[in-house]
Amino acid sequence: LSGANMEGTLLNGAMLAGADLSGSNLAGAAMSNTNLAGAKMDDVKAPGALFFRANLSHASMIRADLTAAVLMEADMKSVNMTGALVNGIVERRSFWCNTIYADGTLRNEDCQIGG
């Protein structure tokens, strides 16, 4: 699927864990309950995409275009988003732990510290 044009595609419930989607066009795609765990999404173009309850844990999203994308209740654990475009991104109730954000900072606000 590397480099595929999936603009506006409904990928709800799709099992894409570990898939190579690098360089793909996911602009405006809907990914509700989509399993993208460990997916390679470097340089993906996903402006305006919807990630609702999507599992993106351990995905690589280096230099991804997430302009105005919507992340609602998405699992962002251990995602590498270095260099991603995040202008206008909407984040609601997503899970951030050990996530490398676009600017290289580590987001850990949802990590549970055991005791």
PDB file of N, CA and C in Angstrom:
ATOM      1  N   LEU A   1       0.812  -1.208   0.000  1.00  0.00           N
ATOM      2  CA  LEU A   1       0.000   0.000   0.000  1.00  0.00           C
ATOM      3  C   LEU A   1       0.849   1.264   0.000  1.00  0.00           C
ATOM      4  N   SER A   2       2.160   1.104   0.003  1.00  0.00           N
ATOM      5  CA  SER A   2       3.051   2.256  -0.025  1.00  0.00           C
ATOM      6  C   SER A   2       2.769   3.101  -1.262  1.00  0.00           C
ATOM      7  N   GLY A   3       2.548   4.404  -1.047  1.00  0.00           N
ATOM      8  CA  GLY A   3       2.302   5.314  -2.155  1.00  0.00           C
ATOM      9  C   GLY A   3       0.902   5.253  -2.740  1.00  0.00           C
ATOM     10  N   ALA A   4       0.009   4.486  -2.139  1.00  0.00           N
ATOM     11  CA  ALA A   4      -1.354   4.326  -2.672  1.00  0.00           C
ATOM     12  C   ALA A   4      -2.174   5.607  -2.523  1.00  0.00           C
ATOM     13  N   ASN A   5      -3.092   5.827  -3.445  1.00  0.00           N
ATOM     14  CA  ASN A   5      -4.011   6.957  -3.358  1.00  0.00           C
ATOM     15  C   ASN A   5      -5.317   6.469  -2.748  1.00  0.00           C
ATOM     16  N   MET A   6      -5.513   6.790  -1.463  1.00  0.00           N
ATOM     17  CA  MET A   6      -6.719   6.386  -0.749  1.00  0.00           C
ATOM     18  C   MET A   6      -7.476   7.612  -0.257  1.00  0.00           C
ATOM     19  N   GLU A   7      -7.385   8.688  -1.008  1.00  0.00           N
ATOM     20  CA  GLU A   7      -8.039   9.940  -0.633  1.00  0.00           C
ATOM     21  C   GLU A   7      -9.533   9.721  -0.451  1.00  0.00           C
ATOM     22  N   GLY A   8     -10.048  10.149   0.730  1.00  0.00           N
ATOM     23  CA  GLY A   8     -11.473  10.050   1.013  1.00  0.00           C
ATOM     24  C   GLY A   8     -11.990   8.651   1.264  1.00  0.00           C
ATOM     25  N   THR A   9     -11.113   7.684   1.350  1.00  0.00           N
ATOM     26  CA  THR A   9     -11.517   6.287   1.529  1.00  0.00           C
ATOM     27  C   THR A   9     -12.058   6.040   2.936  1.00  0.00           C
ATOM     28  N   LEU A  10     -13.064   5.191   3.048  1.00  0.00           N
ATOM     29  CA  LEU A  10     -13.569   4.751   4.341  1.00  0.00           C
ATOM     30  C   LEU A  10     -12.799   3.497   4.733  1.00  0.00           C
ATOM     31  N   LEU A  11     -11.973   3.630   5.754  1.00  0.00           N
ATOM     32  CA  LEU A  11     -11.172   2.500   6.227  1.00  0.00           C
ATOM     33  C   LEU A  11     -11.624   2.074   7.620  1.00  0.00           C
ATOM     34  N   ASN A  12     -12.887   2.318   7.932  1.00  0.00           N
ATOM     35  CA  ASN A  12     -13.423   2.004   9.249  1.00  0.00           C
ATOM     36  C   ASN A  12     -13.316   0.512   9.539  1.00  0.00           C
ATOM     37  N   GLY A  13     -12.698   0.191  10.687  1.00  0.00           N
ATOM     38  CA  GLY A  13     -12.566  -1.198  11.111  1.00  0.00           C
ATOM     39  C   GLY A  13     -11.509  -1.994  10.375  1.00  0.00           C
ATOM     40  N   ALA A  14     -10.766  -1.358   9.491  1.00  0.00           N
ATOM     41  CA  ALA A  14      -9.747  -2.085   8.715  1.00  0.00           C
ATOM     42  C   ALA A  14      -8.608  -2.559   9.613  1.00  0.00           C
ATOM     43  N   MET A  15      -8.067  -3.722   9.303  1.00  0.00           N
ATOM     44  CA  MET A  15      -6.934  -4.289  10.030  1.00  0.00           C
ATOM     45  C   MET A  15      -5.668  -4.018   9.218  1.00  0.00           C
ATOM     46  N   LEU A  16      -4.978  -2.934   9.542  1.00  0.00           N
ATOM     47  CA  LEU A  16      -3.783  -2.525   8.808  1.00  0.00           C
ATOM     48  C   LEU A  16      -2.554  -2.516   9.706  1.00  0.00           C
ATOM     49  N   ALA A  17      -2.587  -3.325  10.760  1.00  0.00           N
ATOM     50  CA  ALA A  17      -1.448  -3.394  11.679  1.00  0.00           C
ATOM     51  C   ALA A  17      -0.201  -3.815  10.921  1.00  0.00           C
ATOM     52  N   GLY A  18       0.872  -3.051  11.097  1.00  0.00           N
ATOM     53  CA  GLY A  18       2.146  -3.368  10.464  1.00  0.00           C
ATOM     54  C   GLY A  18       2.219  -3.056   8.982  1.00  0.00           C
ATOM     55  N   ALA A  19       1.170  -2.480   8.412  1.00  0.00           N
ATOM     56  CA  ALA A  19       1.148  -2.186   6.970  1.00  0.00           C
ATOM     57  C   ALA A  19       2.129  -1.069   6.614  1.00  0.00           C
ATOM     58  N   ASP A  20       2.657  -1.118   5.407  1.00  0.00           N
ATOM     59  CA  ASP A  20       3.521  -0.047   4.900  1.00  0.00           C
ATOM     60  C   ASP A  20       2.660   0.901   4.074  1.00  0.00           C
ATOM     61  N   LEU A  21       2.310   2.022   4.682  1.00  0.00           N
ATOM     62  CA  LEU A  21       1.493   3.036   4.029  1.00  0.00           C
ATOM     63  C   LEU A  21       2.324   4.272   3.698  1.00  0.00           C
ATOM     64  N   SER A  22       3.636   4.162   3.780  1.00  0.00           N
ATOM     65  CA  SER A  22       4.502   5.327   3.594  1.00  0.00           C
ATOM     66  C   SER A  22       4.242   6.004   2.253  1.00  0.00           C
ATOM     67  N   GLY A  23       4.138   7.332   2.314  1.00  0.00           N
ATOM     68  CA  GLY A  23       3.917   8.118   1.112  1.00  0.00           C
ATOM     69  C   GLY A  23       2.518   8.038   0.534  1.00  0.00           C
ATOM     70  N   SER A  24       1.611   7.360   1.217  1.00  0.00           N
ATOM     71  CA  SER A  24       0.239   7.217   0.713  1.00  0.00           C
ATOM     72  C   SER A  24      -0.558   8.505   0.892  1.00  0.00           C
ATOM     73  N   ASN A  25      -1.597   8.654   0.093  1.00  0.00           N
ATOM     74  CA  ASN A  25      -2.503   9.788   0.202  1.00  0.00           C
ATOM     75  C   ASN A  25      -3.748   9.332   0.951  1.00  0.00           C
ATOM     76  N   LEU A  26      -3.883   9.796   2.197  1.00  0.00           N
ATOM     77  CA  LEU A  26      -5.045   9.480   3.025  1.00  0.00           C
ATOM     78  C   LEU A  26      -5.848  10.743   3.326  1.00  0.00           C
ATOM     79  N   ALA A  27      -5.725  11.752   2.486  1.00  0.00           N
ATOM     80  CA  ALA A  27      -6.432  13.019   2.703  1.00  0.00           C
ATOM     81  C   ALA A  27      -7.928  12.769   2.841  1.00  0.00           C
ATOM     82  N   GLY A  28      -8.506  13.246   3.953  1.00  0.00           N
ATOM     83  CA  GLY A  28      -9.938  13.109   4.162  1.00  0.00           C
ATOM     84  C   GLY A  28     -10.427  11.703   4.413  1.00  0.00           C
ATOM     85  N   ALA A  29      -9.519  10.760   4.595  1.00  0.00           N
ATOM     86  CA  ALA A  29      -9.927   9.370   4.849  1.00  0.00           C
ATOM     87  C   ALA A  29     -10.534   9.245   6.248  1.00  0.00           C
ATOM     88  N   ALA A  30     -11.461   8.310   6.408  1.00  0.00           N
ATOM     89  CA  ALA A  30     -12.086   8.042   7.699  1.00  0.00           C
ATOM     90  C   ALA A  30     -11.566   6.721   8.234  1.00  0.00           C
ATOM     91  N   MET A  31     -10.976   6.784   9.427  1.00  0.00           N
ATOM     92  CA  MET A  31     -10.399   5.592  10.040  1.00  0.00           C
ATOM     93  C   MET A  31     -10.941   5.437  11.455  1.00  0.00           C
ATOM     94  N   SER A  32     -12.166   4.969  11.564  1.00  0.00           N
ATOM     95  CA  SER A  32     -12.783   4.721  12.856  1.00  0.00           C
ATOM     96  C   SER A  32     -12.552   3.267  13.234  1.00  0.00           C
ATOM     97  N   ASN A  33     -12.039   3.056  14.451  1.00  0.00           N
ATOM     98  CA  ASN A  33     -11.744   1.708  14.938  1.00  0.00           C
ATOM     99  C   ASN A  33     -10.813   0.956  13.994  1.00  0.00           C
ATOM    100  N   THR A  34      -9.927   1.681  13.336  1.00  0.00           N
ATOM    101  CA  THR A  34      -8.962   1.083  12.415  1.00  0.00           C
ATOM    102  C   THR A  34      -7.713   0.692  13.185  1.00  0.00           C
ATOM    103  N   ASN A  35      -7.201  -0.505  12.936  1.00  0.00           N
ATOM    104  CA  ASN A  35      -5.987  -0.971  13.600  1.00  0.00           C
ATOM    105  C   ASN A  35      -4.788  -0.660  12.709  1.00  0.00           C
ATOM    106  N   LEU A  36      -4.020   0.354  13.116  1.00  0.00           N
ATOM    107  CA  LEU A  36      -2.813   0.772  12.401  1.00  0.00           C
ATOM    108  C   LEU A  36      -1.585   0.578  13.282  1.00  0.00           C
ATOM    109  N   ALA A  37      -1.689  -0.299  14.279  1.00  0.00           N
ATOM    110  CA  ALA A  37      -0.580  -0.521  15.207  1.00  0.00           C
ATOM    111  C   ALA A  37       0.669  -0.945  14.451  1.00  0.00           C
ATOM    112  N   GLY A  38       1.764  -0.248  14.704  1.00  0.00           N
ATOM    113  CA  GLY A  38       3.033  -0.591  14.082  1.00  0.00           C
ATOM    114  C   GLY A  38       3.121  -0.279  12.601  1.00  0.00           C
ATOM    115  N   ALA A  39       2.135   0.420  12.061  1.00  0.00           N
ATOM    116  CA  ALA A  39       2.143   0.742  10.627  1.00  0.00           C
ATOM    117  C   ALA A  39       3.243   1.748  10.303  1.00  0.00           C
ATOM    118  N   LYS A  40       3.788   1.639   9.110  1.00  0.00           N
ATOM    119  CA  LYS A  40       4.781   2.606   8.633  1.00  0.00           C
ATOM    120  C   LYS A  40       4.017   3.650   7.831  1.00  0.00           C
ATOM    121  N   MET A  41       3.923   4.851   8.391  1.00  0.00           N
ATOM    122  CA  MET A  41       3.150   5.922   7.777  1.00  0.00           C
ATOM    123  C   MET A  41       4.011   7.160   7.542  1.00  0.00           C
ATOM    124  N   ASP A  42       5.302   6.964   7.320  1.00  0.00           N
ATOM    125  CA  ASP A  42       6.200   8.085   7.063  1.00  0.00           C
ATOM    126  C   ASP A  42       5.787   8.781   5.768  1.00  0.00           C
ATOM    127  N   ASP A  43       5.821  10.105   5.787  1.00  0.00           N
ATOM    128  CA  ASP A  43       5.510  10.936   4.609  1.00  0.00           C
ATOM    129  C   ASP A  43       4.091  10.741   4.078  1.00  0.00           C
ATOM    130  N   VAL A  44       3.204  10.177   4.897  1.00  0.00           N
ATOM    131  CA  VAL A  44       1.815  10.008   4.477  1.00  0.00           C
ATOM    132  C   VAL A  44       1.155  11.390   4.402  1.00  0.00           C
ATOM    133  N   LYS A  45       0.259  11.556   3.476  1.00  0.00           N
ATOM    134  CA  LYS A  45      -0.488  12.802   3.342  1.00  0.00           C
ATOM    135  C   LYS A  45      -1.904  12.535   3.833  1.00  0.00           C
ATOM    136  N   ALA A  46      -2.217  13.073   5.034  1.00  0.00           N
ATOM    137  CA  ALA A  46      -3.517  12.808   5.637  1.00  0.00           C
ATOM    138  C   ALA A  46      -4.190  14.073   6.166  1.00  0.00           C
ATOM    139  N   PRO A  47      -4.147  15.180   5.401  1.00  0.00           N
ATOM    140  CA  PRO A  47      -4.842  16.375   5.891  1.00  0.00           C
ATOM    141  C   PRO A  47      -6.345  16.123   5.948  1.00  0.00           C
ATOM    142  N   GLY A  48      -6.952  16.538   7.069  1.00  0.00           N
ATOM    143  CA  GLY A  48      -8.389  16.366   7.216  1.00  0.00           C
ATOM    144  C   GLY A  48      -8.835  14.944   7.476  1.00  0.00           C
ATOM    145  N   ALA A  49      -7.906  14.036   7.698  1.00  0.00           N
ATOM    146  CA  ALA A  49      -8.272  12.637   7.971  1.00  0.00           C
ATOM    147  C   ALA A  49      -8.860  12.515   9.375  1.00  0.00           C
ATOM    148  N   LEU A  50      -9.723  11.541   9.556  1.00  0.00           N
ATOM    149  CA  LEU A  50     -10.340  11.269  10.846  1.00  0.00           C
ATOM    150  C   LEU A  50      -9.783   9.965  11.407  1.00  0.00           C
ATOM    151  N   PHE A  51      -9.193  10.059  12.604  1.00  0.00           N
ATOM    152  CA  PHE A  51      -8.704   8.885  13.323  1.00  0.00           C
ATOM    153  C   PHE A  51      -9.540   8.781  14.594  1.00  0.00           C
ATOM    154  N   PHE A  52     -10.663   8.061  14.554  1.00  0.00           N
ATOM    155  CA  PHE A  52     -11.555   7.927  15.702  1.00  0.00           C
ATOM    156  C   PHE A  52     -11.392   6.537  16.300  1.00  0.00           C
ATOM    157  N   ARG A  53     -10.938   6.510  17.552  1.00  0.00           N
ATOM    158  CA  ARG A  53     -10.660   5.247  18.243  1.00  0.00           C
ATOM    159  C   ARG A  53      -9.736   4.356  17.424  1.00  0.00           C
ATOM    160  N   ALA A  54      -8.863   4.979  16.657  1.00  0.00           N
ATOM    161  CA  ALA A  54      -7.887   4.227  15.857  1.00  0.00           C
ATOM    162  C   ALA A  54      -6.713   3.825  16.736  1.00  0.00           C
ATOM    163  N   ASN A  55      -6.190   2.636  16.509  1.00  0.00           N
ATOM    164  CA  ASN A  55      -5.004   2.165  17.220  1.00  0.00           C
ATOM    165  C   ASN A  55      -3.784   2.464  16.355  1.00  0.00           C
ATOM    166  N   LEU A  56      -3.038   3.497  16.744  1.00  0.00           N
ATOM    167  CA  LEU A  56      -1.824   3.894  16.031  1.00  0.00           C
ATOM    168  C   LEU A  56      -0.581   3.578  16.855  1.00  0.00           C
ATOM    169  N   SER A  57      -0.734   2.799  17.920  1.00  0.00           N
ATOM    170  CA  SER A  57       0.403   2.535  18.803  1.00  0.00           C
ATOM    171  C   SER A  57       1.585   1.963  18.024  1.00  0.00           C
ATOM    172  N   HIS A  58       2.755   2.495  18.341  1.00  0.00           N
ATOM    173  CA  HIS A  58       4.027   2.062  17.737  1.00  0.00           C
ATOM    174  C   HIS A  58       4.119   2.353  16.232  1.00  0.00           C
ATOM    175  N   ALA A  59       3.226   3.169  15.703  1.00  0.00           N
ATOM    176  CA  ALA A  59       3.302   3.538  14.281  1.00  0.00           C
ATOM    177  C   ALA A  59       4.406   4.573  14.071  1.00  0.00           C
ATOM    178  N   SER A  60       4.943   4.599  12.879  1.00  0.00           N
ATOM    179  CA  SER A  60       5.924   5.615  12.496  1.00  0.00           C
ATOM    180  C   SER A  60       5.223   6.597  11.567  1.00  0.00           C
ATOM    181  N   MET A  61       5.137   7.854  12.021  1.00  0.00           N
ATOM    182  CA  MET A  61       4.453   8.898  11.251  1.00  0.00           C
ATOM    183  C   MET A  61       5.404  10.068  10.991  1.00  0.00           C
ATOM    184  N   ILE A  62       6.660   9.756  10.717  1.00  0.00           N
ATOM    185  CA  ILE A  62       7.672  10.784  10.488  1.00  0.00           C
ATOM    186  C   ILE A  62       7.301  11.598   9.245  1.00  0.00           C
ATOM    187  N   ARG A  63       7.311  12.908   9.393  1.00  0.00           N
ATOM    188  CA  ARG A  63       7.005  13.864   8.318  1.00  0.00           C
ATOM    189  C   ARG A  63       5.594  13.698   7.740  1.00  0.00           C
ATOM    190  N   ALA A  64       4.690  13.067   8.475  1.00  0.00           N
ATOM    191  CA  ALA A  64       3.311  12.908   8.001  1.00  0.00           C
ATOM    192  C   ALA A  64       2.607  14.263   7.966  1.00  0.00           C
ATOM    193  N   ASP A  65       1.785  14.479   6.967  1.00  0.00           N
ATOM    194  CA  ASP A  65       0.982  15.699   6.886  1.00  0.00           C
ATOM    195  C   ASP A  65      -0.360  15.418   7.556  1.00  0.00           C
ATOM    196  N   LEU A  66      -0.491  15.916   8.787  1.00  0.00           N
ATOM    197  CA  LEU A  66      -1.712  15.725   9.565  1.00  0.00           C
ATOM    198  C   LEU A  66      -2.447  17.053   9.746  1.00  0.00           C
ATOM    199  N   THR A  67      -2.259  17.969   8.817  1.00  0.00           N
ATOM    200  CA  THR A  67      -2.905  19.274   8.874  1.00  0.00           C
ATOM    201  C   THR A  67      -4.422  19.110   8.989  1.00  0.00           C
ATOM    202  N   ALA A  68      -4.996  19.707  10.037  1.00  0.00           N
ATOM    203  CA  ALA A  68      -6.445  19.671  10.271  1.00  0.00           C
ATOM    204  C   ALA A  68      -7.006  18.256  10.413  1.00  0.00           C
ATOM    205  N   ALA A  69      -6.150  17.288  10.715  1.00  0.00           N
ATOM    206  CA  ALA A  69      -6.634  15.928  10.984  1.00  0.00           C
ATOM    207  C   ALA A  69      -7.328  15.909  12.347  1.00  0.00           C
ATOM    208  N   VAL A  70      -8.184  14.927  12.556  1.00  0.00           N
ATOM    209  CA  VAL A  70      -8.914  14.789  13.810  1.00  0.00           C
ATOM    210  C   VAL A  70      -8.495  13.490  14.479  1.00  0.00           C
ATOM    211  N   LEU A  71      -7.975  13.615  15.701  1.00  0.00           N
ATOM    212  CA  LEU A  71      -7.593  12.454  16.507  1.00  0.00           C
ATOM    213  C   LEU A  71      -8.534  12.407  17.702  1.00  0.00           C
ATOM    214  N   MET A  72      -9.500  11.503  17.677  1.00  0.00           N
ATOM    215  CA  MET A  72     -10.441  11.371  18.785  1.00  0.00           C
ATOM    216  C   MET A  72     -10.317   9.986  19.397  1.00  0.00           C
ATOM    217  N   GLU A  73      -9.955   9.970  20.685  1.00  0.00           N
ATOM    218  CA  GLU A  73      -9.802   8.718  21.421  1.00  0.00           C
ATOM    219  C   GLU A  73      -8.854   7.766  20.702  1.00  0.00           C
ATOM    220  N   ALA A  74      -7.858   8.323  20.024  1.00  0.00           N
ATOM    221  CA  ALA A  74      -6.880   7.509  19.300  1.00  0.00           C
ATOM    222  C   ALA A  74      -5.779   7.043  20.248  1.00  0.00           C
ATOM    223  N   ASP A  75      -5.276   5.844  20.030  1.00  0.00           N
ATOM    224  CA  ASP A  75      -4.159   5.312  20.807  1.00  0.00           C
ATOM    225  C   ASP A  75      -2.869   5.743  20.115  1.00  0.00           C
ATOM    226  N   MET A  76      -2.183   6.720  20.717  1.00  0.00           N
ATOM    227  CA  MET A  76      -0.963   7.289  20.145  1.00  0.00           C
ATOM    228  C   MET A  76       0.279   6.842  20.915  1.00  0.00           C
ATOM    229  N   LYS A  77       0.181   5.740  21.642  1.00  0.00           N
ATOM    230  CA  LYS A  77       1.295   5.260  22.456  1.00  0.00           C
ATOM    231  C   LYS A  77       2.487   4.880  21.581  1.00  0.00           C
ATOM    232  N   SER A  78       3.649   5.441  21.919  1.00  0.00           N
ATOM    233  CA  SER A  78       4.927   5.119  21.266  1.00  0.00           C
ATOM    234  C   SER A  78       4.940   5.422  19.769  1.00  0.00           C
ATOM    235  N   VAL A  79       4.154   6.409  19.339  1.00  0.00           N
ATOM    236  CA  VAL A  79       4.165   6.836  17.937  1.00  0.00           C
ATOM    237  C   VAL A  79       5.306   7.827  17.735  1.00  0.00           C
ATOM    238  N   ASN A  80       6.002   7.730  16.615  1.00  0.00           N
ATOM    239  CA  ASN A  80       7.042   8.699  16.268  1.00  0.00           C
ATOM    240  C   ASN A  80       6.468   9.639  15.216  1.00  0.00           C
ATOM    241  N   MET A  81       6.237  10.896  15.630  1.00  0.00           N
ATOM    242  CA  MET A  81       5.654  11.907  14.748  1.00  0.00           C
ATOM    243  C   MET A  81       6.669  12.991  14.384  1.00  0.00           C
ATOM    244  N   THR A  82       7.948  12.693  14.486  1.00  0.00           N
ATOM    245  CA  THR A  82       8.988  13.685  14.227  1.00  0.00           C
ATOM    246  C   THR A  82       8.786  14.367  12.874  1.00  0.00           C
ATOM    247  N   GLY A  83       8.762  15.694  12.894  1.00  0.00           N
ATOM    248  CA  GLY A  83       8.646  16.458  11.658  1.00  0.00           C
ATOM    249  C   GLY A  83       7.271  16.470  11.021  1.00  0.00           C
ATOM    250  N   ALA A  84       6.275  15.904  11.703  1.00  0.00           N
ATOM    251  CA  ALA A  84       4.914  15.886  11.144  1.00  0.00           C
ATOM    252  C   ALA A  84       4.332  17.297  11.098  1.00  0.00           C
ATOM    253  N   LEU A  85       3.482  17.539  10.123  1.00  0.00           N
ATOM    254  CA  LEU A  85       2.762  18.809  10.024  1.00  0.00           C
ATOM    255  C   LEU A  85       1.470  18.670  10.816  1.00  0.00           C
ATOM    256  N   VAL A  86       1.323  19.486  11.859  1.00  0.00           N
ATOM    257  CA  VAL A  86       0.183  19.334  12.762  1.00  0.00           C
ATOM    258  C   VAL A  86      -0.637  20.621  12.906  1.00  0.00           C
ATOM    259  N   ASN A  87      -0.483  21.557  11.985  1.00  0.00           N
ATOM    260  CA  ASN A  87      -1.264  22.798  12.051  1.00  0.00           C
ATOM    261  C   ASN A  87      -2.751  22.483  11.963  1.00  0.00           C
ATOM    262  N   GLY A  88      -3.513  23.007  12.921  1.00  0.00           N
ATOM    263  CA  GLY A  88      -4.958  22.823  12.901  1.00  0.00           C
ATOM    264  C   GLY A  88      -5.430  21.450  13.323  1.00  0.00           C
ATOM    265  N   ILE A  89      -4.513  20.615  13.815  1.00  0.00           N
ATOM    266  CA  ILE A  89      -4.908  19.272  14.246  1.00  0.00           C
ATOM    267  C   ILE A  89      -5.884  19.382  15.422  1.00  0.00           C
ATOM    268  N   VAL A  90      -6.868  18.513  15.458  1.00  0.00           N
ATOM    269  CA  VAL A  90      -7.842  18.480  16.541  1.00  0.00           C
ATOM    270  C   VAL A  90      -7.588  17.210  17.338  1.00  0.00           C
ATOM    271  N   GLU A  91      -7.294  17.382  18.625  1.00  0.00           N
ATOM    272  CA  GLU A  91      -7.013  16.235  19.495  1.00  0.00           C
ATOM    273  C   GLU A  91      -8.044  16.203  20.610  1.00  0.00           C
ATOM    274  N   ARG A  92      -8.734  15.101  20.754  1.00  0.00           N
ATOM    275  CA  ARG A  92      -9.715  14.948  21.827  1.00  0.00           C
ATOM    276  C   ARG A  92      -9.594  13.553  22.439  1.00  0.00           C
ATOM    277  N   ARG A  93      -9.309  13.534  23.726  1.00  0.00           N
ATOM    278  CA  ARG A  93      -9.299  12.303  24.524  1.00  0.00           C
ATOM    279  C   ARG A  93      -8.441  11.183  23.929  1.00  0.00           C
ATOM    280  N   SER A  94      -7.365  11.543  23.260  1.00  0.00           N
ATOM    281  CA  SER A  94      -6.449  10.527  22.738  1.00  0.00           C
ATOM    282  C   SER A  94      -5.441  10.150  23.812  1.00  0.00           C
ATOM    283  N   PHE A  95      -4.804   9.000  23.654  1.00  0.00           N
ATOM    284  CA  PHE A  95      -3.869   8.454  24.638  1.00  0.00           C
ATOM    285  C   PHE A  95      -2.442   8.719  24.177  1.00  0.00           C
ATOM    286  N   TRP A  96      -1.712   9.535  24.948  1.00  0.00           N
ATOM    287  CA  TRP A  96      -0.340   9.921  24.612  1.00  0.00           C
ATOM    288  C   TRP A  96       0.608   9.386  25.673  1.00  0.00           C
ATOM    289  N   CYS A  97       1.475   8.483  25.314  1.00  0.00           N
ATOM    290  CA  CYS A  97       2.471   7.950  26.239  1.00  0.00           C
ATOM    291  C   CYS A  97       3.681   7.505  25.427  1.00  0.00           C
ATOM    292  N   ASN A  98       4.848   8.030  25.788  1.00  0.00           N
ATOM    293  CA  ASN A  98       6.087   7.707  25.074  1.00  0.00           C
ATOM    294  C   ASN A  98       5.972   8.058  23.590  1.00  0.00           C
ATOM    295  N   THR A  99       5.217   9.118  23.309  1.00  0.00           N
ATOM    296  CA  THR A  99       4.991   9.570  21.938  1.00  0.00           C
ATOM    297  C   THR A  99       5.972  10.680  21.595  1.00  0.00           C
ATOM    298  N   ILE A 100       6.687  10.538  20.487  1.00  0.00           N
ATOM    299  CA  ILE A 100       7.565  11.612  20.026  1.00  0.00           C
ATOM    300  C   ILE A 100       6.720  12.505  19.134  1.00  0.00           C
ATOM    301  N   TYR A 101       6.451  13.735  19.628  1.00  0.00           N
ATOM    302  CA  TYR A 101       5.576  14.652  18.907  1.00  0.00           C
ATOM    303  C   TYR A 101       6.323  15.331  17.762  1.00  0.00           C
ATOM    304  N   ALA A 102       5.612  16.082  16.952  1.00  0.00           N
ATOM    305  CA  ALA A 102       6.147  16.703  15.738  1.00  0.00           C
ATOM    306  C   ALA A 102       7.422  17.508  15.970  1.00  0.00           C
ATOM    307  N   ASP A 103       7.478  18.218  17.104  1.00  0.00           N
ATOM    308  CA  ASP A 103       8.636  19.070  17.383  1.00  0.00           C
ATOM    309  C   ASP A 103       9.754  18.325  18.108  1.00  0.00           C
ATOM    310  N   GLY A 104       9.617  17.021  18.247  1.00  0.00           N
ATOM    311  CA  GLY A 104      10.644  16.207  18.886  1.00  0.00           C
ATOM    312  C   GLY A 104      10.476  16.047  20.385  1.00  0.00           C
ATOM    313  N   THR A 105       9.486  16.724  20.972  1.00  0.00           N
ATOM    314  CA  THR A 105       9.253  16.592  22.406  1.00  0.00           C
ATOM    315  C   THR A 105       8.540  15.277  22.703  1.00  0.00           C
ATOM    316  N   LEU A 106       8.741  14.794  23.926  1.00  0.00           N
ATOM    317  CA  LEU A 106       8.123  13.545  24.358  1.00  0.00           C
ATOM    318  C   LEU A 106       6.800  13.858  25.043  1.00  0.00           C
ATOM    319  N   ARG A 107       5.737  13.236  24.600  1.00  0.00           N
ATOM    320  CA  ARG A 107       4.425  13.416  25.234  1.00  0.00           C
ATOM    321  C   ARG A 107       4.120  12.186  26.075  1.00  0.00           C
ATOM    322  N   ASN A 108       3.964  12.425  27.373  1.00  0.00           N
ATOM    323  CA  ASN A 108       3.731  11.339  28.321  1.00  0.00           C
ATOM    324  C   ASN A 108       2.532  11.605  29.220  1.00  0.00           C
ATOM    325  N   GLU A 109       1.647  12.514  28.834  1.00  0.00           N
ATOM    326  CA  GLU A 109       0.607  12.932  29.772  1.00  0.00           C
ATOM    327  C   GLU A 109      -0.375  11.833  30.162  1.00  0.00           C
ATOM    328  N   ASP A 110      -0.441  10.752  29.427  1.00  0.00           N
ATOM    329  CA  ASP A 110      -1.388   9.694  29.770  1.00  0.00           C
ATOM    330  C   ASP A 110      -0.719   8.420  30.282  1.00  0.00           C
ATOM    331  N   CYS A 111       0.594   8.475  30.500  1.00  0.00           N
ATOM    332  CA  CYS A 111       1.292   7.307  31.053  1.00  0.00           C
ATOM    333  C   CYS A 111       0.864   7.118  32.503  1.00  0.00           C
ATOM    334  N   GLN A 112       0.647   5.893  32.881  1.00  0.00           N
ATOM    335  CA  GLN A 112       0.323   5.606  34.272  1.00  0.00           C
ATOM    336  C   GLN A 112       1.602   5.247  34.994  1.00  0.00           C
ATOM    337  N   ILE A 113       1.815   5.915  36.105  1.00  0.00           N
ATOM    338  CA  ILE A 113       2.997   5.617  36.913  1.00  0.00           C
ATOM    339  C   ILE A 113       2.553   4.653  37.997  1.00  0.00           C
ATOM    340  N   GLY A 114       3.030   3.421  37.885  1.00  0.00           N
ATOM    341  CA  GLY A 114       2.615   2.367  38.810  1.00  0.00           C
ATOM    342  C   GLY A 114       3.215   2.544  40.195  1.00  0.00           C
ATOM    343  N   GLY A 115       2.590   1.913  41.128  1.00  0.00           N
ATOM    344  CA  GLY A 115       3.099   2.011  42.486  1.00  0.00           C
ATOM    345  C   GLY A 115       2.422   1.021  43.367  1.00  0.00           C
TER     346      GLY A 115
END
